[in-house]
Amino acid sequence: MTEYLFLFHSTVGVVRMRKALQAAGMTFRVKDIPRQLRGGCGLCIYLSCEAGEEQRWVVAGETEAIYRVDEGAFMLLHALPSTTNLTDS
């Protein structure tokens, strides 16, 4: 198993992923973002899973980045854009 850290554009992403992980019976931790990293909402989720399975937990438009955690170091694996709904007034 590999440990991953998920960053989010907003707390909505944290809540959505937390609910999905709880429903699936996954073990995870919600924590403050480590000082070395920056993220939109200040919270992150740590999740241990098999390599490649981390992409299953991406919340479209809400997940900002996924890092692999290795002995306290963070390796960026995926950087994801936010989805912005713009409407003309």
PDB file of N, CA and C in Angstrom:
ATOM      1  N   MET A   1       0.848  -1.185   0.000  1.00  0.00           N
ATOM      2  CA  MET A   1       0.000   0.000   0.000  1.00  0.00           C
ATOM      3  C   MET A   1       0.888   1.240   0.000  1.00  0.00           C
ATOM      4  N   THR A   2       0.386   2.250  -0.649  1.00  0.00           N
ATOM      5  CA  THR A   2       1.087   3.525  -0.754  1.00  0.00           C
ATOM      6  C   THR A   2       0.222   4.596  -0.110  1.00  0.00           C
ATOM      7  N   GLU A   3       0.864   5.552   0.556  1.00  0.00           N
ATOM      8  CA  GLU A   3       0.104   6.649   1.167  1.00  0.00           C
ATOM      9  C   GLU A   3       0.081   7.837   0.215  1.00  0.00           C
ATOM     10  N   TYR A   4      -1.107   8.422   0.063  1.00  0.00           N
ATOM     11  CA  TYR A   4      -1.317   9.582  -0.803  1.00  0.00           C
ATOM     12  C   TYR A   4      -1.912  10.720   0.005  1.00  0.00           C
ATOM     13  N   LEU A   5      -1.622  11.934  -0.442  1.00  0.00           N
ATOM     14  CA  LEU A   5      -2.189  13.131   0.163  1.00  0.00           C
ATOM     15  C   LEU A   5      -2.971  13.854  -0.928  1.00  0.00           C
ATOM     16  N   PHE A   6      -4.227  14.159  -0.641  1.00  0.00           N
ATOM     17  CA  PHE A   6      -5.104  14.859  -1.577  1.00  0.00           C
ATOM     18  C   PHE A   6      -5.301  16.293  -1.105  1.00  0.00           C
ATOM     19  N   LEU A   7      -5.077  17.257  -2.007  1.00  0.00           N
ATOM     20  CA  LEU A   7      -5.381  18.666  -1.739  1.00  0.00           C
ATOM     21  C   LEU A   7      -6.641  19.038  -2.501  1.00  0.00           C
ATOM     22  N   PHE A   8      -7.351  20.038  -2.009  1.00  0.00           N
ATOM     23  CA  PHE A   8      -8.634  20.425  -2.593  1.00  0.00           C
ATOM     24  C   PHE A   8      -8.713  21.924  -2.823  1.00  0.00           C
ATOM     25  N   HIS A   9      -9.491  22.310  -3.825  1.00  0.00           N
ATOM     26  CA  HIS A   9      -9.717  23.721  -4.125  1.00  0.00           C
ATOM     27  C   HIS A   9     -10.580  24.376  -3.049  1.00  0.00           C
ATOM     28  N   SER A  10     -11.447  23.592  -2.397  1.00  0.00           N
ATOM     29  CA  SER A  10     -12.327  24.133  -1.349  1.00  0.00           C
ATOM     30  C   SER A  10     -12.698  23.008  -0.386  1.00  0.00           C
ATOM     31  N   THR A  11     -13.305  23.378   0.725  1.00  0.00           N
ATOM     32  CA  THR A  11     -13.718  22.373   1.706  1.00  0.00           C
ATOM     33  C   THR A  11     -14.833  21.468   1.176  1.00  0.00           C
ATOM     34  N   VAL A  12     -15.541  21.908   0.159  1.00  0.00           N
ATOM     35  CA  VAL A  12     -16.580  21.064  -0.455  1.00  0.00           C
ATOM     36  C   VAL A  12     -15.952  19.759  -0.945  1.00  0.00           C
ATOM     37  N   GLY A  13     -14.777  19.841  -1.551  1.00  0.00           N
ATOM     38  CA  GLY A  13     -14.083  18.643  -2.030  1.00  0.00           C
ATOM     39  C   GLY A  13     -13.702  17.708  -0.900  1.00  0.00           C
ATOM     40  N   VAL A  14     -13.246  18.270   0.205  1.00  0.00           N
ATOM     41  CA  VAL A  14     -12.891  17.459   1.378  1.00  0.00           C
ATOM     42  C   VAL A  14     -14.124  16.705   1.867  1.00  0.00           C
ATOM     43  N   VAL A  15     -15.232  17.395   1.994  1.00  0.00           N
ATOM     44  CA  VAL A  15     -16.474  16.779   2.479  1.00  0.00           C
ATOM     45  C   VAL A  15     -16.949  15.691   1.517  1.00  0.00           C
ATOM     46  N   ARG A  16     -16.924  15.959   0.223  1.00  0.00           N
ATOM     47  CA  ARG A  16     -17.388  14.961  -0.760  1.00  0.00           C
ATOM     48  C   ARG A  16     -16.512  13.712  -0.749  1.00  0.00           C
ATOM     49  N   MET A  17     -15.194  13.909  -0.711  1.00  0.00           N
ATOM     50  CA  MET A  17     -14.308  12.742  -0.697  1.00  0.00           C
ATOM     51  C   MET A  17     -14.452  11.977   0.613  1.00  0.00           C
ATOM     52  N   ARG A  18     -14.555  12.684   1.724  1.00  0.00           N
ATOM     53  CA  ARG A  18     -14.732  12.034   3.023  1.00  0.00           C
ATOM     54  C   ARG A  18     -15.978  11.152   3.019  1.00  0.00           C
ATOM     55  N   LYS A  19     -17.075  11.666   2.496  1.00  0.00           N
ATOM     56  CA  LYS A  19     -18.321  10.886   2.440  1.00  0.00           C
ATOM     57  C   LYS A  19     -18.156   9.648   1.564  1.00  0.00           C
ATOM     58  N   ALA A  20     -17.490   9.802   0.411  1.00  0.00           N
ATOM     59  CA  ALA A  20     -17.273   8.667  -0.493  1.00  0.00           C
ATOM     60  C   ALA A  20     -16.381   7.614   0.162  1.00  0.00           C
ATOM     61  N   LEU A  21     -15.326   8.054   0.832  1.00  0.00           N
ATOM     62  CA  LEU A  21     -14.424   7.118   1.505  1.00  0.00           C
ATOM     63  C   LEU A  21     -15.127   6.400   2.654  1.00  0.00           C
ATOM     64  N   GLN A  22     -15.924   7.128   3.429  1.00  0.00           N
ATOM     65  CA  GLN A  22     -16.673   6.503   4.527  1.00  0.00           C
ATOM     66  C   GLN A  22     -17.652   5.470   3.987  1.00  0.00           C
ATOM     67  N   ALA A  23     -18.352   5.799   2.912  1.00  0.00           N
ATOM     68  CA  ALA A  23     -19.325   4.873   2.325  1.00  0.00           C
ATOM     69  C   ALA A  23     -18.643   3.597   1.824  1.00  0.00           C
ATOM     70  N   ALA A  24     -17.387   3.729   1.378  1.00  0.00           N
ATOM     71  CA  ALA A  24     -16.645   2.575   0.868  1.00  0.00           C
ATOM     72  C   ALA A  24     -15.890   1.833   1.968  1.00  0.00           C
ATOM     73  N   GLY A  25     -15.961   2.340   3.199  1.00  0.00           N
ATOM     74  CA  GLY A  25     -15.282   1.693   4.310  1.00  0.00           C
ATOM     75  C   GLY A  25     -13.766   1.856   4.300  1.00  0.00           C
ATOM     76  N   MET A  26     -13.285   2.898   3.636  1.00  0.00           N
ATOM     77  CA  MET A  26     -11.839   3.152   3.547  1.00  0.00           C
ATOM     78  C   MET A  26     -11.338   3.853   4.812  1.00  0.00           C
ATOM     79  N   THR A  27     -10.081   3.605   5.164  1.00  0.00           N
ATOM     80  CA  THR A  27      -9.433   4.279   6.284  1.00  0.00           C
ATOM     81  C   THR A  27      -8.681   5.484   5.736  1.00  0.00           C
ATOM     82  N   PHE A  28      -8.877   6.643   6.351  1.00  0.00           N
ATOM     83  CA  PHE A  28      -8.255   7.879   5.881  1.00  0.00           C
ATOM     84  C   PHE A  28      -8.148   8.846   7.045  1.00  0.00           C
ATOM     85  N   ARG A  29      -7.413   9.949   6.822  1.00  0.00           N
ATOM     86  CA  ARG A  29      -7.275  10.992   7.841  1.00  0.00           C
ATOM     87  C   ARG A  29      -7.470  12.348   7.184  1.00  0.00           C
ATOM     88  N   VAL A  30      -8.241  13.214   7.810  1.00  0.00           N
ATOM     89  CA  VAL A  30      -8.372  14.613   7.392  1.00  0.00           C
ATOM     90  C   VAL A  30      -7.465  15.413   8.319  1.00  0.00           C
ATOM     91  N   LYS A  31      -6.557  16.201   7.720  1.00  0.00           N
ATOM     92  CA  LYS A  31      -5.596  16.967   8.518  1.00  0.00           C
ATOM     93  C   LYS A  31      -5.376  18.333   7.890  1.00  0.00           C
ATOM     94  N   ASP A  32      -4.676  19.187   8.628  1.00  0.00           N
ATOM     95  CA  ASP A  32      -4.227  20.454   8.055  1.00  0.00           C
ATOM     96  C   ASP A  32      -3.175  20.154   6.995  1.00  0.00           C
ATOM     97  N   ILE A  33      -3.110  21.014   5.969  1.00  0.00           N
ATOM     98  CA  ILE A  33      -2.111  20.838   4.915  1.00  0.00           C
ATOM     99  C   ILE A  33      -0.717  21.035   5.511  1.00  0.00           C
ATOM    100  N   PRO A  34       0.239  20.157   5.182  1.00  0.00           N
ATOM    101  CA  PRO A  34       1.613  20.336   5.662  1.00  0.00           C
ATOM    102  C   PRO A  34       2.188  21.684   5.214  1.00  0.00           C
ATOM    103  N   ARG A  35       3.072  22.230   6.012  1.00  0.00           N
ATOM    104  CA  ARG A  35       3.634  23.557   5.726  1.00  0.00           C
ATOM    105  C   ARG A  35       4.332  23.644   4.375  1.00  0.00           C
ATOM    106  N   GLN A  36       4.936  22.528   3.932  1.00  0.00           N
ATOM    107  CA  GLN A  36       5.661  22.540   2.661  1.00  0.00           C
ATOM    108  C   GLN A  36       4.743  22.693   1.452  1.00  0.00           C
ATOM    109  N   LEU A  37       3.481  22.393   1.628  1.00  0.00           N
ATOM    110  CA  LEU A  37       2.522  22.411   0.520  1.00  0.00           C
ATOM    111  C   LEU A  37       1.544  23.558   0.705  1.00  0.00           C
ATOM    112  N   ARG A  38       0.914  23.910  -0.389  1.00  0.00           N
ATOM    113  CA  ARG A  38      -0.127  24.937  -0.333  1.00  0.00           C
ATOM    114  C   ARG A  38      -1.375  24.393  -1.004  1.00  0.00           C
ATOM    115  N   GLY A  39      -2.509  24.759  -0.470  1.00  0.00           N
ATOM    116  CA  GLY A  39      -3.758  24.311  -1.054  1.00  0.00           C
ATOM    117  C   GLY A  39      -4.855  25.318  -0.793  1.00  0.00           C
ATOM    118  N   GLY A  40      -5.910  25.220  -1.572  1.00  0.00           N
ATOM    119  CA  GLY A  40      -6.980  26.192  -1.535  1.00  0.00           C
ATOM    120  C   GLY A  40      -7.743  26.290  -0.231  1.00  0.00           C
ATOM    121  N   CYS A  41      -7.936  25.175   0.465  1.00  0.00           N
ATOM    122  CA  CYS A  41      -8.838  25.235   1.620  1.00  0.00           C
ATOM    123  C   CYS A  41      -8.157  25.011   2.962  1.00  0.00           C
ATOM    124  N   GLY A  42      -6.903  24.630   2.991  1.00  0.00           N
ATOM    125  CA  GLY A  42      -6.205  24.433   4.251  1.00  0.00           C
ATOM    126  C   GLY A  42      -6.311  23.034   4.835  1.00  0.00           C
ATOM    127  N   LEU A  43      -7.178  22.187   4.264  1.00  0.00           N
ATOM    128  CA  LEU A  43      -7.324  20.810   4.731  1.00  0.00           C
ATOM    129  C   LEU A  43      -6.895  19.841   3.641  1.00  0.00           C
ATOM    130  N   CYS A  44      -6.468  18.660   4.055  1.00  0.00           N
ATOM    131  CA  CYS A  44      -6.101  17.621   3.097  1.00  0.00           C
ATOM    132  C   CYS A  44      -6.593  16.279   3.626  1.00  0.00           C
ATOM    133  N   ILE A  45      -6.558  15.287   2.758  1.00  0.00           N
ATOM    134  CA  ILE A  45      -6.908  13.923   3.150  1.00  0.00           C
ATOM    135  C   ILE A  45      -5.729  13.017   2.836  1.00  0.00           C
ATOM    136  N   TYR A  46      -5.334  12.221   3.844  1.00  0.00           N
ATOM    137  CA  TYR A  46      -4.331  11.179   3.663  1.00  0.00           C
ATOM    138  C   TYR A  46      -5.077   9.870   3.456  1.00  0.00           C
ATOM    139  N   LEU A  47      -4.658   9.118   2.439  1.00  0.00           N
ATOM    140  CA  LEU A  47      -5.312   7.855   2.111  1.00  0.00           C
ATOM    141  C   LEU A  47      -4.254   6.845   1.706  1.00  0.00           C
ATOM    142  N   SER A  48      -4.320   5.645   2.249  1.00  0.00           N
ATOM    143  CA  SER A  48      -3.438   4.556   1.833  1.00  0.00           C
ATOM    144  C   SER A  48      -4.231   3.609   0.948  1.00  0.00           C
ATOM    145  N   CYS A  49      -3.669   3.327  -0.238  1.00  0.00           N
ATOM    146  CA  CYS A  49      -4.321   2.417  -1.177  1.00  0.00           C
ATOM    147  C   CYS A  49      -3.267   1.878  -2.142  1.00  0.00           C
ATOM    148  N   GLU A  50      -3.668   0.958  -2.981  1.00  0.00           N
ATOM    149  CA  GLU A  50      -2.766   0.399  -3.985  1.00  0.00           C
ATOM    150  C   GLU A  50      -2.430   1.463  -5.027  1.00  0.00           C
ATOM    151  N   ALA A  51      -1.224   1.385  -5.575  1.00  0.00           N
ATOM    152  CA  ALA A  51      -0.794   2.329  -6.613  1.00  0.00           C
ATOM    153  C   ALA A  51      -1.775   2.292  -7.784  1.00  0.00           C
ATOM    154  N   GLY A  52      -2.180   3.451  -8.247  1.00  0.00           N
ATOM    155  CA  GLY A  52      -3.143   3.574  -9.338  1.00  0.00           C
ATOM    156  C   GLY A  52      -4.573   3.737  -8.855  1.00  0.00           C
ATOM    157  N   GLU A  53      -4.868   3.217  -7.662  1.00  0.00           N
ATOM    158  CA  GLU A  53      -6.224   3.313  -7.115  1.00  0.00           C
ATOM    159  C   GLU A  53      -6.551   4.723  -6.626  1.00  0.00           C
ATOM    160  N   GLU A  54      -5.522   5.533  -6.378  1.00  0.00           N
ATOM    161  CA  GLU A  54      -5.757   6.893  -5.870  1.00  0.00           C
ATOM    162  C   GLU A  54      -6.609   7.715  -6.831  1.00  0.00           C
ATOM    163  N   GLN A  55      -6.480   7.463  -8.128  1.00  0.00           N
ATOM    164  CA  GLN A  55      -7.242   8.231  -9.115  1.00  0.00           C
ATOM    165  C   GLN A  55      -8.741   7.986  -9.000  1.00  0.00           C
ATOM    166  N   ARG A  56      -9.105   6.857  -8.452  1.00  0.00           N
ATOM    167  CA  ARG A  56     -10.525   6.524  -8.250  1.00  0.00           C
ATOM    168  C   ARG A  56     -11.209   7.534  -7.332  1.00  0.00           C
ATOM    169  N   TRP A  57     -10.440   8.160  -6.441  1.00  0.00           N
ATOM    170  CA  TRP A  57     -11.014   9.024  -5.416  1.00  0.00           C
ATOM    171  C   TRP A  57     -10.990  10.506  -5.774  1.00  0.00           C
ATOM    172  N   VAL A  58     -10.574  10.837  -6.977  1.00  0.00           N
ATOM    173  CA  VAL A  58     -10.574  12.242  -7.414  1.00  0.00           C
ATOM    174  C   VAL A  58     -12.011  12.753  -7.455  1.00  0.00           C
ATOM    175  N   VAL A  59     -12.242  13.902  -6.852  1.00  0.00           N
ATOM    176  CA  VAL A  59     -13.545  14.563  -6.909  1.00  0.00           C
ATOM    177  C   VAL A  59     -13.424  15.610  -8.011  1.00  0.00           C
ATOM    178  N   ALA A  60     -14.070  15.354  -9.140  1.00  0.00           N
ATOM    179  CA  ALA A  60     -13.942  16.228 -10.313  1.00  0.00           C
ATOM    180  C   ALA A  60     -14.242  17.680  -9.965  1.00  0.00           C
ATOM    181  N   GLY A  61     -13.323  18.558 -10.349  1.00  0.00           N
ATOM    182  CA  GLY A  61     -13.501  19.980 -10.106  1.00  0.00           C
ATOM    183  C   GLY A  61     -13.172  20.427  -8.695  1.00  0.00           C
ATOM    184  N   GLU A  62     -12.952  19.486  -7.783  1.00  0.00           N
ATOM    185  CA  GLU A  62     -12.677  19.814  -6.381  1.00  0.00           C
ATOM    186  C   GLU A  62     -11.269  19.404  -5.941  1.00  0.00           C
ATOM    187  N   THR A  63     -10.762  18.286  -6.482  1.00  0.00           N
ATOM    188  CA  THR A  63      -9.417  17.835  -6.117  1.00  0.00           C
ATOM    189  C   THR A  63      -8.400  18.722  -6.821  1.00  0.00           C
ATOM    190  N   GLU A  64      -7.491  19.296  -6.052  1.00  0.00           N
ATOM    191  CA  GLU A  64      -6.468  20.201  -6.598  1.00  0.00           C
ATOM    192  C   GLU A  64      -5.204  19.447  -6.993  1.00  0.00           C
ATOM    193  N   ALA A  65      -4.779  18.494  -6.169  1.00  0.00           N
ATOM    194  CA  ALA A  65      -3.547  17.757  -6.439  1.00  0.00           C
ATOM    195  C   ALA A  65      -3.513  16.476  -5.619  1.00  0.00           C
ATOM    196  N   ILE A  66      -2.729  15.516  -6.124  1.00  0.00           N
ATOM    197  CA  ILE A  66      -2.475  14.279  -5.393  1.00  0.00           C
ATOM    198  C   ILE A  66      -0.961  14.124  -5.281  1.00  0.00           C
ATOM    199  N   TYR A  67      -0.499  13.883  -4.055  1.00  0.00           N
ATOM    200  CA  TYR A  67       0.916  13.659  -3.785  1.00  0.00           C
ATOM    201  C   TYR A  67       1.103  12.255  -3.238  1.00  0.00           C
ATOM    202  N   ARG A  68       2.214  11.627  -3.585  1.00  0.00           N
ATOM    203  CA  ARG A  68       2.605  10.382  -2.931  1.00  0.00           C
ATOM    204  C   ARG A  68       3.447  10.772  -1.722  1.00  0.00           C
ATOM    205  N   VAL A  69       3.163  10.177  -0.576  1.00  0.00           N
ATOM    206  CA  VAL A  69       3.891  10.470   0.659  1.00  0.00           C
ATOM    207  C   VAL A  69       4.943   9.382   0.848  1.00  0.00           C
ATOM    208  N   ASP A  70       6.201   9.800   0.991  1.00  0.00           N
ATOM    209  CA  ASP A  70       7.296   8.847   1.143  1.00  0.00           C
ATOM    210  C   ASP A  70       8.260   9.350   2.205  1.00  0.00           C
ATOM    211  N   GLU A  71       8.171   8.783   3.401  1.00  0.00           N
ATOM    212  CA  GLU A  71       9.038   9.148   4.526  1.00  0.00           C
ATOM    213  C   GLU A  71       9.053  10.651   4.788  1.00  0.00           C
ATOM    214  N   GLY A  72       7.885  11.249   4.816  1.00  0.00           N
ATOM    215  CA  GLY A  72       7.759  12.677   5.111  1.00  0.00           C
ATOM    216  C   GLY A  72       7.949  13.594   3.924  1.00  0.00           C
ATOM    217  N   ALA A  73       8.325  13.049   2.775  1.00  0.00           N
ATOM    218  CA  ALA A  73       8.478  13.852   1.556  1.00  0.00           C
ATOM    219  C   ALA A  73       7.218  13.691   0.705  1.00  0.00           C
ATOM    220  N   PHE A  74       6.914  14.714  -0.084  1.00  0.00           N
ATOM    221  CA  PHE A  74       5.713  14.712  -0.916  1.00  0.00           C
ATOM    222  C   PHE A  74       6.111  14.822  -2.383  1.00  0.00           C
ATOM    223  N   MET A  75       5.669  13.853  -3.199  1.00  0.00           N
ATOM    224  CA  MET A  75       5.966  13.861  -4.632  1.00  0.00           C
ATOM    225  C   MET A  75       4.668  14.115  -5.385  1.00  0.00           C
ATOM    226  N   LEU A  76       4.613  15.222  -6.123  1.00  0.00           N
ATOM    227  CA  LEU A  76       3.406  15.557  -6.880  1.00  0.00           C
ATOM    228  C   LEU A  76       3.182  14.538  -7.989  1.00  0.00           C
ATOM    229  N   LEU A  77       2.022  13.909  -7.989  1.00  0.00           N
ATOM    230  CA  LEU A  77       1.660  12.940  -9.025  1.00  0.00           C
ATOM    231  C   LEU A  77       0.685  13.525 -10.031  1.00  0.00           C
ATOM    232  N   HIS A  78      -0.299  14.265  -9.536  1.00  0.00           N
ATOM    233  CA  HIS A  78      -1.359  14.807 -10.386  1.00  0.00           C
ATOM    234  C   HIS A  78      -1.729  16.206  -9.912  1.00  0.00           C
ATOM    235  N   ALA A  79      -1.774  17.163 -10.834  1.00  0.00           N
ATOM    236  CA  ALA A  79      -2.303  18.505 -10.555  1.00  0.00           C
ATOM    237  C   ALA A  79      -3.560  18.645 -11.393  1.00  0.00           C
ATOM    238  N   LEU A  80      -4.652  19.020 -10.767  1.00  0.00           N
ATOM    239  CA  LEU A  80      -5.949  19.026 -11.441  1.00  0.00           C
ATOM    240  C   LEU A  80      -6.575  20.418 -11.403  1.00  0.00           C
ATOM    241  N   PRO A  81      -7.225  20.815 -12.484  1.00  0.00           N
ATOM    242  CA  PRO A  81      -7.858  22.142 -12.513  1.00  0.00           C
ATOM    243  C   PRO A  81      -9.174  22.149 -11.750  1.00  0.00           C
ATOM    244  N   SER A  82      -9.547  23.333 -11.318  1.00  0.00           N
ATOM    245  CA  SER A  82     -10.880  23.477 -10.724  1.00  0.00           C
ATOM    246  C   SER A  82     -11.868  23.659 -11.862  1.00  0.00           C
ATOM    247  N   THR A  83     -13.110  23.363 -11.600  1.00  0.00           N
ATOM    248  CA  THR A  83     -14.161  23.593 -12.579  1.00  0.00           C
ATOM    249  C   THR A  83     -14.891  24.846 -12.156  1.00  0.00           C
ATOM    250  N   THR A  84     -14.885  25.817 -13.017  1.00  0.00           N
ATOM    251  CA  THR A  84     -15.555  27.071 -12.707  1.00  0.00           C
ATOM    252  C   THR A  84     -16.738  27.222 -13.644  1.00  0.00           C
ATOM    253  N   ASN A  85     -17.888  27.421 -13.075  1.00  0.00           N
ATOM    254  CA  ASN A  85     -19.080  27.662 -13.883  1.00  0.00           C
ATOM    255  C   ASN A  85     -19.280  29.164 -14.006  1.00  0.00           C
ATOM    256  N   LEU A  86     -19.028  29.688 -15.178  1.00  0.00           N
ATOM    257  CA  LEU A  86     -19.206  31.115 -15.415  1.00  0.00           C
ATOM    258  C   LEU A  86     -20.481  31.330 -16.215  1.00  0.00           C
ATOM    259  N   THR A  87     -21.243  32.290 -15.810  1.00  0.00           N
ATOM    260  CA  THR A  87     -22.456  32.619 -16.557  1.00  0.00           C
ATOM    261  C   THR A  87     -22.401  34.082 -16.937  1.00  0.00           C
ATOM    262  N   ASP A  88     -22.898  34.381 -18.096  1.00  0.00           N
ATOM    263  CA  ASP A  88     -22.958  35.776 -18.541  1.00  0.00           C
ATOM    264  C   ASP A  88     -24.134  36.465 -17.877  1.00  0.00           C
ATOM    265  N   SER A  89     -23.903  37.675 -17.443  1.00  0.00           N
ATOM    266  CA  SER A  89     -24.991  38.433 -16.818  1.00  0.00           C
ATOM    267  C   SER A  89     -25.590  39.380 -17.813  1.00  0.00           C
TER     268      SER A  89
END
